[in-house]
Structure formats: C-alpha cells, structure tokens
C-alpha cells in the first residue's frame, strides 16, 4: 500500500471553494482502480489548513491518479487558492 499525505494551506477567502473542489476530486478518486481511500481533513485550530490522505494499492495506481482528468482539474483550479505550496509526503503502508 502506498500512502501520500498532502498538507495544504489555503487562503482564508477560498476555504469554501477549496473544500468544494477537493470533495469533487475525492469522490472521483475513490472510484479509481487501485484506490483504497481518499480523505479530506480540516484543522480544528486553523480552518485554512487541510490534510489529504490518499491510499493506493500500488505505486502504479498512485501514479495513474495524477493522470486523471479530475486530478488535473483539481490541481489547476486550486493552485491560485494556496497560501503556500502544498507539501506531499509518501509512505509505505505497513498496516492494515
């Protein structure tokens, strides 16, 4: 299992826009072959900070995600809403 966490800091005036677009991406992503989960989390301390948790069966499935139209749309739509560049960290899942 390949897991990527993506930390996102959104400009405060675009929080609702970011949530709307990210939910669209999440809903499409969980339908992808090889996707195990795709979560959107919002910080309780700072509502402009988010964590995306993406789990895929393999590196190939995770890479294929970045080639989908819904990902490309999300990436392009949210780019100007970022307060700073998003940060992704890849992990190898041990459990489950």
PDB file of N, CA and C in Angstrom:
ATOM      1  N   UNK A   1       0.842  -1.175   0.000  1.00  0.00           N
ATOM      2  CA  UNK A   1       0.000   0.000   0.000  1.00  0.00           C
ATOM      3  C   UNK A   1       0.888   1.239   0.000  1.00  0.00           C
ATOM      4  N   UNK A   2       0.531   2.187  -0.845  1.00  0.00           N
ATOM      5  CA  UNK A   2       1.241   3.459  -0.934  1.00  0.00           C
ATOM      6  C   UNK A   2       0.317   4.545  -0.411  1.00  0.00           C
ATOM      7  N   UNK A   3       0.801   5.327   0.541  1.00  0.00           N
ATOM      8  CA  UNK A   3       0.013   6.399   1.134  1.00  0.00           C
ATOM      9  C   UNK A   3       0.745   7.715   0.888  1.00  0.00           C
ATOM     10  N   UNK A   4      -0.028   8.723   0.516  1.00  0.00           N
ATOM     11  CA  UNK A   4       0.507  10.074   0.410  1.00  0.00           C
ATOM     12  C   UNK A   4      -0.339  10.977   1.287  1.00  0.00           C
ATOM     13  N   UNK A   5       0.328  11.766   2.121  1.00  0.00           N
ATOM     14  CA  UNK A   5      -0.369  12.815   2.856  1.00  0.00           C
ATOM     15  C   UNK A   5       0.027  14.128   2.193  1.00  0.00           C
ATOM     16  N   UNK A   6      -0.968  14.974   1.981  1.00  0.00           N
ATOM     17  CA  UNK A   6      -0.723  16.266   1.346  1.00  0.00           C
ATOM     18  C   UNK A   6      -1.213  17.343   2.297  1.00  0.00           C
ATOM     19  N   UNK A   7      -0.282  18.179   2.741  1.00  0.00           N
ATOM     20  CA  UNK A   7      -0.619  19.279   3.632  1.00  0.00           C
ATOM     21  C   UNK A   7      -0.858  20.521   2.789  1.00  0.00           C
ATOM     22  N   UNK A   8      -2.024  21.143   3.017  1.00  0.00           N
ATOM     23  CA  UNK A   8      -2.426  22.282   2.203  1.00  0.00           C
ATOM     24  C   UNK A   8      -2.812  23.438   3.118  1.00  0.00           C
ATOM     25  N   UNK A   9      -2.294  24.612   2.795  1.00  0.00           N
ATOM     26  CA  UNK A   9      -2.680  25.846   3.482  1.00  0.00           C
ATOM     27  C   UNK A   9      -3.350  26.722   2.433  1.00  0.00           C
ATOM     28  N   UNK A  10      -4.639  27.006   2.637  1.00  0.00           N
ATOM     29  CA  UNK A  10      -5.461  27.720   1.671  1.00  0.00           C
ATOM     30  C   UNK A  10      -5.658  29.158   2.141  1.00  0.00           C
ATOM     31  N   UNK A  11      -5.708  30.071   1.199  1.00  0.00           N
ATOM     32  CA  UNK A  11      -6.053  31.458   1.531  1.00  0.00           C
ATOM     33  C   UNK A  11      -7.439  31.460   2.158  1.00  0.00           C
ATOM     34  N   UNK A  12      -7.598  32.213   3.233  1.00  0.00           N
ATOM     35  CA  UNK A  12      -8.832  32.131   4.018  1.00  0.00           C
ATOM     36  C   UNK A  12     -10.085  32.468   3.215  1.00  0.00           C
ATOM     37  N   UNK A  13      -9.978  33.302   2.202  1.00  0.00           N
ATOM     38  CA  UNK A  13     -11.156  33.650   1.412  1.00  0.00           C
ATOM     39  C   UNK A  13     -11.511  32.589   0.368  1.00  0.00           C
ATOM     40  N   UNK A  14     -10.742  31.515   0.321  1.00  0.00           N
ATOM     41  CA  UNK A  14     -11.020  30.437  -0.639  1.00  0.00           C
ATOM     42  C   UNK A  14     -11.250  29.083   0.033  1.00  0.00           C
ATOM     43  N   UNK A  15     -11.443  29.071   1.333  1.00  0.00           N
ATOM     44  CA  UNK A  15     -11.642  27.807   2.049  1.00  0.00           C
ATOM     45  C   UNK A  15     -12.847  27.047   1.502  1.00  0.00           C
ATOM     46  N   UNK A  16     -13.979  27.700   1.352  1.00  0.00           N
ATOM     47  CA  UNK A  16     -15.187  27.022   0.855  1.00  0.00           C
ATOM     48  C   UNK A  16     -14.981  26.520  -0.576  1.00  0.00           C
ATOM     49  N   UNK A  17     -14.306  27.325  -1.407  1.00  0.00           N
ATOM     50  CA  UNK A  17     -14.008  26.906  -2.786  1.00  0.00           C
ATOM     51  C   UNK A  17     -13.126  25.664  -2.783  1.00  0.00           C
ATOM     52  N   UNK A  18     -12.105  25.685  -1.937  1.00  0.00           N
ATOM     53  CA  UNK A  18     -11.180  24.550  -1.854  1.00  0.00           C
ATOM     54  C   UNK A  18     -11.909  23.282  -1.426  1.00  0.00           C
ATOM     55  N   UNK A  19     -12.750  23.393  -0.425  1.00  0.00           N
ATOM     56  CA  UNK A  19     -13.499  22.221   0.045  1.00  0.00           C
ATOM     57  C   UNK A  19     -14.373  21.676  -1.084  1.00  0.00           C
ATOM     58  N   UNK A  20     -15.096  22.546  -1.770  1.00  0.00           N
ATOM     59  CA  UNK A  20     -15.973  22.116  -2.861  1.00  0.00           C
ATOM     60  C   UNK A  20     -15.187  21.366  -3.944  1.00  0.00           C
ATOM     61  N   UNK A  21     -14.094  21.942  -4.402  1.00  0.00           N
ATOM     62  CA  UNK A  21     -13.309  21.321  -5.474  1.00  0.00           C
ATOM     63  C   UNK A  21     -12.624  20.042  -5.006  1.00  0.00           C
ATOM     64  N   UNK A  22     -12.166  20.031  -3.769  1.00  0.00           N
ATOM     65  CA  UNK A  22     -11.463  18.853  -3.258  1.00  0.00           C
ATOM     66  C   UNK A  22     -12.431  17.702  -3.045  1.00  0.00           C
ATOM     67  N   UNK A  23     -13.650  17.991  -2.605  1.00  0.00           N
ATOM     68  CA  UNK A  23     -14.652  16.933  -2.473  1.00  0.00           C
ATOM     69  C   UNK A  23     -14.958  16.295  -3.832  1.00  0.00           C
ATOM     70  N   UNK A  24     -15.016  17.102  -4.881  1.00  0.00           N
ATOM     71  CA  UNK A  24     -15.210  16.555  -6.239  1.00  0.00           C
ATOM     72  C   UNK A  24     -14.070  15.599  -6.593  1.00  0.00           C
ATOM     73  N   UNK A  25     -12.854  16.028  -6.304  1.00  0.00           N
ATOM     74  CA  UNK A  25     -11.694  15.192  -6.593  1.00  0.00           C
ATOM     75  C   UNK A  25     -11.718  13.913  -5.752  1.00  0.00           C
ATOM     76  N   UNK A  26     -12.053  14.035  -4.473  1.00  0.00           N
ATOM     77  CA  UNK A  26     -12.119  12.865  -3.583  1.00  0.00           C
ATOM     78  C   UNK A  26     -13.143  11.856  -4.091  1.00  0.00           C
ATOM     79  N   UNK A  27     -14.329  12.336  -4.441  1.00  0.00           N
ATOM     80  CA  UNK A  27     -15.396  11.439  -4.886  1.00  0.00           C
ATOM     81  C   UNK A  27     -15.012  10.690  -6.155  1.00  0.00           C
ATOM     82  N   UNK A  28     -14.335  11.350  -7.078  1.00  0.00           N
ATOM     83  CA  UNK A  28     -13.880  10.678  -8.293  1.00  0.00           C
ATOM     84  C   UNK A  28     -12.701   9.745  -7.999  1.00  0.00           C
ATOM     85  N   UNK A  29     -11.833  10.162  -7.101  1.00  0.00           N
ATOM     86  CA  UNK A  29     -10.632   9.373  -6.804  1.00  0.00           C
ATOM     87  C   UNK A  29     -10.960   8.027  -6.184  1.00  0.00           C
ATOM     88  N   UNK A  30     -11.965   7.972  -5.309  1.00  0.00           N
ATOM     89  CA  UNK A  30     -12.297   6.700  -4.665  1.00  0.00           C
ATOM     90  C   UNK A  30     -12.885   5.700  -5.656  1.00  0.00           C
ATOM     91  N   UNK A  31     -13.244   6.155  -6.857  1.00  0.00           N
ATOM     92  CA  UNK A  31     -13.730   5.253  -7.905  1.00  0.00           C
ATOM     93  C   UNK A  31     -12.603   4.704  -8.774  1.00  0.00           C
ATOM     94  N   UNK A  32     -11.396   5.209  -8.599  1.00  0.00           N
ATOM     95  CA  UNK A  32     -10.263   4.757  -9.406  1.00  0.00           C
ATOM     96  C   UNK A  32      -9.876   3.322  -9.041  1.00  0.00           C
ATOM     97  N   UNK A  33      -9.450   2.579 -10.042  1.00  0.00           N
ATOM     98  CA  UNK A  33      -8.900   1.248  -9.804  1.00  0.00           C
ATOM     99  C   UNK A  33      -7.648   1.395  -8.941  1.00  0.00           C
ATOM    100  N   UNK A  34      -7.575   0.645  -7.869  1.00  0.00           N
ATOM    101  CA  UNK A  34      -6.405   0.678  -7.005  1.00  0.00           C
ATOM    102  C   UNK A  34      -6.478   1.674  -5.866  1.00  0.00           C
ATOM    103  N   UNK A  35      -7.532   2.501  -5.814  1.00  0.00           N
ATOM    104  CA  UNK A  35      -7.663   3.438  -4.706  1.00  0.00           C
ATOM    105  C   UNK A  35      -8.262   2.724  -3.503  1.00  0.00           C
ATOM    106  N   UNK A  36      -7.656   2.898  -2.353  1.00  0.00           N
ATOM    107  CA  UNK A  36      -8.150   2.296  -1.115  1.00  0.00           C
ATOM    108  C   UNK A  36      -8.885   3.308  -0.241  1.00  0.00           C
ATOM    109  N   UNK A  37      -8.458   4.569  -0.293  1.00  0.00           N
ATOM    110  CA  UNK A  37      -9.161   5.622   0.444  1.00  0.00           C
ATOM    111  C   UNK A  37      -8.610   6.971   0.024  1.00  0.00           C
ATOM    112  N   UNK A  38      -9.436   7.972   0.210  1.00  0.00           N
ATOM    113  CA  UNK A  38      -9.044   9.343  -0.125  1.00  0.00           C
ATOM    114  C   UNK A  38      -9.815  10.251   0.827  1.00  0.00           C
ATOM    115  N   UNK A  39      -9.149  10.759   1.838  1.00  0.00           N
ATOM    116  CA  UNK A  39      -9.791  11.532   2.899  1.00  0.00           C
ATOM    117  C   UNK A  39      -9.394  13.004   2.817  1.00  0.00           C
ATOM    118  N   UNK A  40     -10.333  13.851   3.179  1.00  0.00           N
ATOM    119  CA  UNK A  40     -10.091  15.284   3.304  1.00  0.00           C
ATOM    120  C   UNK A  40     -10.317  15.655   4.761  1.00  0.00           C
ATOM    121  N   UNK A  41      -9.290  16.199   5.398  1.00  0.00           N
ATOM    122  CA  UNK A  41      -9.352  16.592   6.808  1.00  0.00           C
ATOM    123  C   UNK A  41      -9.074  18.086   6.919  1.00  0.00           C
ATOM    124  N   UNK A  42      -9.813  18.760   7.809  1.00  0.00           N
ATOM    125  CA  UNK A  42      -9.639  20.185   8.042  1.00  0.00           C
ATOM    126  C   UNK A  42      -9.205  20.403   9.487  1.00  0.00           C
ATOM    127  N   UNK A  43      -8.207  21.236   9.685  1.00  0.00           N
ATOM    128  CA  UNK A  43      -7.700  21.532  11.021  1.00  0.00           C
ATOM    129  C   UNK A  43      -8.760  22.216  11.865  1.00  0.00           C
ATOM    130  N   UNK A  44      -8.899  21.776  13.101  1.00  0.00           N
ATOM    131  CA  UNK A  44      -9.796  22.451  14.041  1.00  0.00           C
ATOM    132  C   UNK A  44      -9.185  23.758  14.534  1.00  0.00           C
ATOM    133  N   UNK A  45      -7.867  23.810  14.612  1.00  0.00           N
ATOM    134  CA  UNK A  45      -7.187  25.006  15.107  1.00  0.00           C
ATOM    135  C   UNK A  45      -7.107  26.110  14.063  1.00  0.00           C
ATOM    136  N   UNK A  46      -6.968  25.722  12.798  1.00  0.00           N
ATOM    137  CA  UNK A  46      -6.848  26.693  11.703  1.00  0.00           C
ATOM    138  C   UNK A  46      -7.629  26.149  10.513  1.00  0.00           C
ATOM    139  N   UNK A  47      -8.866  26.595  10.301  1.00  0.00           N
ATOM    140  CA  UNK A  47      -9.712  26.059   9.237  1.00  0.00           C
ATOM    141  C   UNK A  47      -9.172  26.262   7.818  1.00  0.00           C
ATOM    142  N   UNK A  48      -8.090  27.002   7.670  1.00  0.00           N
ATOM    143  CA  UNK A  48      -7.498  27.173   6.344  1.00  0.00           C
ATOM    144  C   UNK A  48      -6.421  26.124   6.059  1.00  0.00           C
ATOM    145  N   UNK A  49      -6.231  25.197   6.991  1.00  0.00           N
ATOM    146  CA  UNK A  49      -5.233  24.125   6.808  1.00  0.00           C
ATOM    147  C   UNK A  49      -5.940  22.785   6.675  1.00  0.00           C
ATOM    148  N   UNK A  50      -5.469  22.026   5.683  1.00  0.00           N
ATOM    149  CA  UNK A  50      -6.089  20.751   5.348  1.00  0.00           C
ATOM    150  C   UNK A  50      -5.033  19.670   5.212  1.00  0.00           C
ATOM    151  N   UNK A  51      -5.484  18.440   5.365  1.00  0.00           N
ATOM    152  CA  UNK A  51      -4.657  17.268   5.123  1.00  0.00           C
ATOM    153  C   UNK A  51      -5.444  16.341   4.207  1.00  0.00           C
ATOM    154  N   UNK A  52      -4.849  15.970   3.096  1.00  0.00           N
ATOM    155  CA  UNK A  52      -5.424  14.949   2.230  1.00  0.00           C
ATOM    156  C   UNK A  52      -4.668  13.655   2.507  1.00  0.00           C
ATOM    157  N   UNK A  53      -5.404  12.573   2.709  1.00  0.00           N
ATOM    158  CA  UNK A  53      -4.827  11.259   2.978  1.00  0.00           C
ATOM    159  C   UNK A  53      -5.258  10.359   1.832  1.00  0.00           C
ATOM    160  N   UNK A  54      -4.282   9.925   1.028  1.00  0.00           N
ATOM    161  CA  UNK A  54      -4.554   9.135  -0.162  1.00  0.00           C
ATOM    162  C   UNK A  54      -3.862   7.781  -0.033  1.00  0.00           C
ATOM    163  N   UNK A  55      -4.612   6.713  -0.193  1.00  0.00           N
ATOM    164  CA  UNK A  55      -4.027   5.372  -0.111  1.00  0.00           C
ATOM    165  C   UNK A  55      -4.355   4.607  -1.387  1.00  0.00           C
ATOM    166  N   UNK A  56      -3.329   4.003  -1.975  1.00  0.00           N
ATOM    167  CA  UNK A  56      -3.456   3.222  -3.206  1.00  0.00           C
ATOM    168  C   UNK A  56      -2.806   1.861  -3.024  1.00  0.00           C
ATOM    169  N   UNK A  57      -3.282   0.901  -3.790  1.00  0.00           N
ATOM    170  CA  UNK A  57      -2.751  -0.460  -3.715  1.00  0.00           C
ATOM    171  C   UNK A  57      -1.291  -0.553  -4.145  1.00  0.00           C
ATOM    172  N   UNK A  58      -0.882   0.323  -5.064  1.00  0.00           N
ATOM    173  CA  UNK A  58       0.469   0.219  -5.627  1.00  0.00           C
ATOM    174  C   UNK A  58       0.969   1.593  -6.066  1.00  0.00           C
ATOM    175  N   UNK A  59       2.259   1.660  -6.337  1.00  0.00           N
ATOM    176  CA  UNK A  59       2.845   2.896  -6.865  1.00  0.00           C
ATOM    177  C   UNK A  59       2.236   3.242  -8.222  1.00  0.00           C
ATOM    178  N   UNK A  60       1.963   2.212  -9.007  1.00  0.00           N
ATOM    179  CA  UNK A  60       1.380   2.433 -10.327  1.00  0.00           C
ATOM    180  C   UNK A  60      -0.011   3.061 -10.221  1.00  0.00           C
ATOM    181  N   UNK A  61      -0.816   2.578  -9.285  1.00  0.00           N
ATOM    182  CA  UNK A  61      -2.156   3.141  -9.094  1.00  0.00           C
ATOM    183  C   UNK A  61      -2.067   4.580  -8.600  1.00  0.00           C
ATOM    184  N   UNK A  62      -1.119   4.856  -7.715  1.00  0.00           N
ATOM    185  CA  UNK A  62      -0.934   6.229  -7.223  1.00  0.00           C
ATOM    186  C   UNK A  62      -0.483   7.143  -8.358  1.00  0.00           C
ATOM    187  N   UNK A  63       0.407   6.660  -9.202  1.00  0.00           N
ATOM    188  CA  UNK A  63       0.877   7.458 -10.342  1.00  0.00           C
ATOM    189  C   UNK A  63      -0.243   7.679 -11.348  1.00  0.00           C
ATOM    190  N   UNK A  64      -1.074   6.673 -11.566  1.00  0.00           N
ATOM    191  CA  UNK A  64      -2.186   6.797 -12.510  1.00  0.00           C
ATOM    192  C   UNK A  64      -3.167   7.879 -12.057  1.00  0.00           C
ATOM    193  N   UNK A  65      -3.319   8.046 -10.761  1.00  0.00           N
ATOM    194  CA  UNK A  65      -4.208   9.082 -10.225  1.00  0.00           C
ATOM    195  C   UNK A  65      -3.835  10.458 -10.771  1.00  0.00           C
ATOM    196  N   UNK A  66      -2.548  10.718 -10.872  1.00  0.00           N
ATOM    197  CA  UNK A  66      -2.089  12.037 -11.321  1.00  0.00           C
ATOM    198  C   UNK A  66      -2.322  12.262 -12.813  1.00  0.00           C
ATOM    199  N   UNK A  67      -2.750  11.220 -13.523  1.00  0.00           N
ATOM    200  CA  UNK A  67      -3.039  11.331 -14.952  1.00  0.00           C
ATOM    201  C   UNK A  67      -4.534  11.490 -15.235  1.00  0.00           C
ATOM    202  N   UNK A  68      -5.347  11.486 -14.196  1.00  0.00           N
ATOM    203  CA  UNK A  68      -6.792  11.550 -14.392  1.00  0.00           C
ATOM    204  C   UNK A  68      -7.246  12.997 -14.622  1.00  0.00           C
ATOM    205  N   UNK A  69      -8.347  13.126 -15.333  1.00  0.00           N
ATOM    206  CA  UNK A  69      -8.904  14.443 -15.589  1.00  0.00           C
ATOM    207  C   UNK A  69      -9.364  15.140 -14.322  1.00  0.00           C
ATOM    208  N   UNK A  70      -9.935  14.366 -13.373  1.00  0.00           N
ATOM    209  CA  UNK A  70     -10.406  15.011 -12.145  1.00  0.00           C
ATOM    210  C   UNK A  70      -9.245  15.548 -11.310  1.00  0.00           C
ATOM    211  N   UNK A  71      -8.119  14.826 -11.279  1.00  0.00           N
ATOM    212  CA  UNK A  71      -6.953  15.343 -10.551  1.00  0.00           C
ATOM    213  C   UNK A  71      -6.418  16.597 -11.232  1.00  0.00           C
ATOM    214  N   UNK A  72      -6.267  16.541 -12.566  1.00  0.00           N
ATOM    215  CA  UNK A  72      -5.733  17.695 -13.285  1.00  0.00           C
ATOM    216  C   UNK A  72      -6.628  18.921 -13.111  1.00  0.00           C
ATOM    217  N   UNK A  73      -7.944  18.715 -13.139  1.00  0.00           N
ATOM    218  CA  UNK A  73      -8.879  19.823 -12.907  1.00  0.00           C
ATOM    219  C   UNK A  73      -8.669  20.391 -11.505  1.00  0.00           C
ATOM    220  N   UNK A  74      -8.613  19.487 -10.491  1.00  0.00           N
ATOM    221  CA  UNK A  74      -8.415  19.932  -9.114  1.00  0.00           C
ATOM    222  C   UNK A  74      -7.124  20.737  -8.991  1.00  0.00           C
ATOM    223  N   UNK A  75      -6.035  20.176  -9.484  1.00  0.00           N
ATOM    224  CA  UNK A  75      -4.716  20.826  -9.391  1.00  0.00           C
ATOM    225  C   UNK A  75      -4.755  22.235  -9.980  1.00  0.00           C
ATOM    226  N   UNK A  76      -5.366  22.360 -11.151  1.00  0.00           N
ATOM    227  CA  UNK A  76      -5.405  23.655 -11.816  1.00  0.00           C
ATOM    228  C   UNK A  76      -6.355  24.632 -11.123  1.00  0.00           C
ATOM    229  N   UNK A  77      -7.491  24.139 -10.643  1.00  0.00           N
ATOM    230  CA  UNK A  77      -8.488  25.013 -10.008  1.00  0.00           C
ATOM    231  C   UNK A  77      -7.991  25.567  -8.669  1.00  0.00           C
ATOM    232  N   UNK A  78      -7.315  24.747  -7.871  1.00  0.00           N
ATOM    233  CA  UNK A  78      -6.932  25.179  -6.520  1.00  0.00           C
ATOM    234  C   UNK A  78      -5.591  25.906  -6.460  1.00  0.00           C
ATOM    235  N   UNK A  79      -4.831  25.900  -7.522  1.00  0.00           N
ATOM    236  CA  UNK A  79      -3.465  26.438  -7.498  1.00  0.00           C
ATOM    237  C   UNK A  79      -3.396  27.866  -6.963  1.00  0.00           C
ATOM    238  N   UNK A  80      -4.268  28.737  -7.424  1.00  0.00           N
ATOM    239  CA  UNK A  80      -4.215  30.136  -7.003  1.00  0.00           C
ATOM    240  C   UNK A  80      -4.801  30.370  -5.614  1.00  0.00           C
ATOM    241  N   UNK A  81      -5.429  29.348  -5.058  1.00  0.00           N
ATOM    242  CA  UNK A  81      -6.033  29.476  -3.734  1.00  0.00           C
ATOM    243  C   UNK A  81      -5.057  29.125  -2.609  1.00  0.00           C
ATOM    244  N   UNK A  82      -3.883  28.640  -2.959  1.00  0.00           N
ATOM    245  CA  UNK A  82      -2.915  28.214  -1.957  1.00  0.00           C
ATOM    246  C   UNK A  82      -2.237  29.412  -1.306  1.00  0.00           C
ATOM    247  N   UNK A  83      -2.155  29.383   0.025  1.00  0.00           N
ATOM    248  CA  UNK A  83      -1.415  30.402   0.755  1.00  0.00           C
ATOM    249  C   UNK A  83       0.085  30.132   0.676  1.00  0.00           C
ATOM    250  N   UNK A  84       0.424  28.872   0.416  1.00  0.00           N
ATOM    251  CA  UNK A  84       1.813  28.438   0.232  1.00  0.00           C
ATOM    252  C   UNK A  84       1.763  27.132  -0.544  1.00  0.00           C
ATOM    253  N   UNK A  85       2.873  26.706  -1.146  1.00  0.00           N
ATOM    254  CA  UNK A  85       2.837  25.461  -1.920  1.00  0.00           C
ATOM    255  C   UNK A  85       2.434  24.262  -1.051  1.00  0.00           C
ATOM    256  N   UNK A  86       1.615  23.380  -1.609  1.00  0.00           N
ATOM    257  CA  UNK A  86       1.216  22.182  -0.869  1.00  0.00           C
ATOM    258  C   UNK A  86       2.420  21.255  -0.743  1.00  0.00           C
ATOM    259  N   UNK A  87       2.401  20.436   0.310  1.00  0.00           N
ATOM    260  CA  UNK A  87       3.516  19.532   0.583  1.00  0.00           C
ATOM    261  C   UNK A  87       3.000  18.104   0.665  1.00  0.00           C
ATOM    262  N   UNK A  88       3.507  17.244  -0.190  1.00  0.00           N
ATOM    263  CA  UNK A  88       3.131  15.841  -0.177  1.00  0.00           C
ATOM    264  C   UNK A  88       4.252  14.994   0.393  1.00  0.00           C
ATOM    265  N   UNK A  89       3.872  14.031   1.218  1.00  0.00           N
ATOM    266  CA  UNK A  89       4.837  13.092   1.797  1.00  0.00           C
ATOM    267  C   UNK A  89       4.342  11.691   1.495  1.00  0.00           C
ATOM    268  N   UNK A  90       5.208  10.863   0.915  1.00  0.00           N
ATOM    269  CA  UNK A  90       4.844   9.495   0.561  1.00  0.00           C
ATOM    270  C   UNK A  90       5.271   8.532   1.665  1.00  0.00           C
ATOM    271  N   UNK A  91       4.414   7.530   1.884  1.00  0.00           N
ATOM    272  CA  UNK A  91       4.671   6.498   2.877  1.00  0.00           C
ATOM    273  C   UNK A  91       4.397   5.135   2.266  1.00  0.00           C
ATOM    274  N   UNK A  92       5.045   4.120   2.810  1.00  0.00           N
ATOM    275  CA  UNK A  92       4.694   2.735   2.515  1.00  0.00           C
ATOM    276  C   UNK A  92       3.839   2.252   3.651  1.00  0.00           C
ATOM    277  N   UNK A  93       2.622   1.791   3.333  1.00  0.00           N
ATOM    278  CA  UNK A  93       1.715   1.323   4.372  1.00  0.00           C
ATOM    279  C   UNK A  93       2.171  -0.008   4.956  1.00  0.00           C
ATOM    280  N   UNK A  94       2.181  -0.099   6.241  1.00  0.00           N
ATOM    281  CA  UNK A  94       2.557  -1.339   6.937  1.00  0.00           C
ATOM    282  C   UNK A  94       1.305  -2.047   7.440  1.00  0.00           C
ATOM    283  N   UNK A  95       0.357  -1.304   7.951  1.00  0.00           N
ATOM    284  CA  UNK A  95      -0.894  -1.872   8.445  1.00  0.00           C
ATOM    285  C   UNK A  95      -2.000  -0.872   8.202  1.00  0.00           C
ATOM    286  N   UNK A  96      -3.148  -1.179   7.701  1.00  0.00           N
ATOM    287  CA  UNK A  96      -3.647  -2.535   7.511  1.00  0.00           C
ATOM    288  C   UNK A  96      -3.055  -3.167   6.286  1.00  0.00           C
TER     289      UNK A  96
END
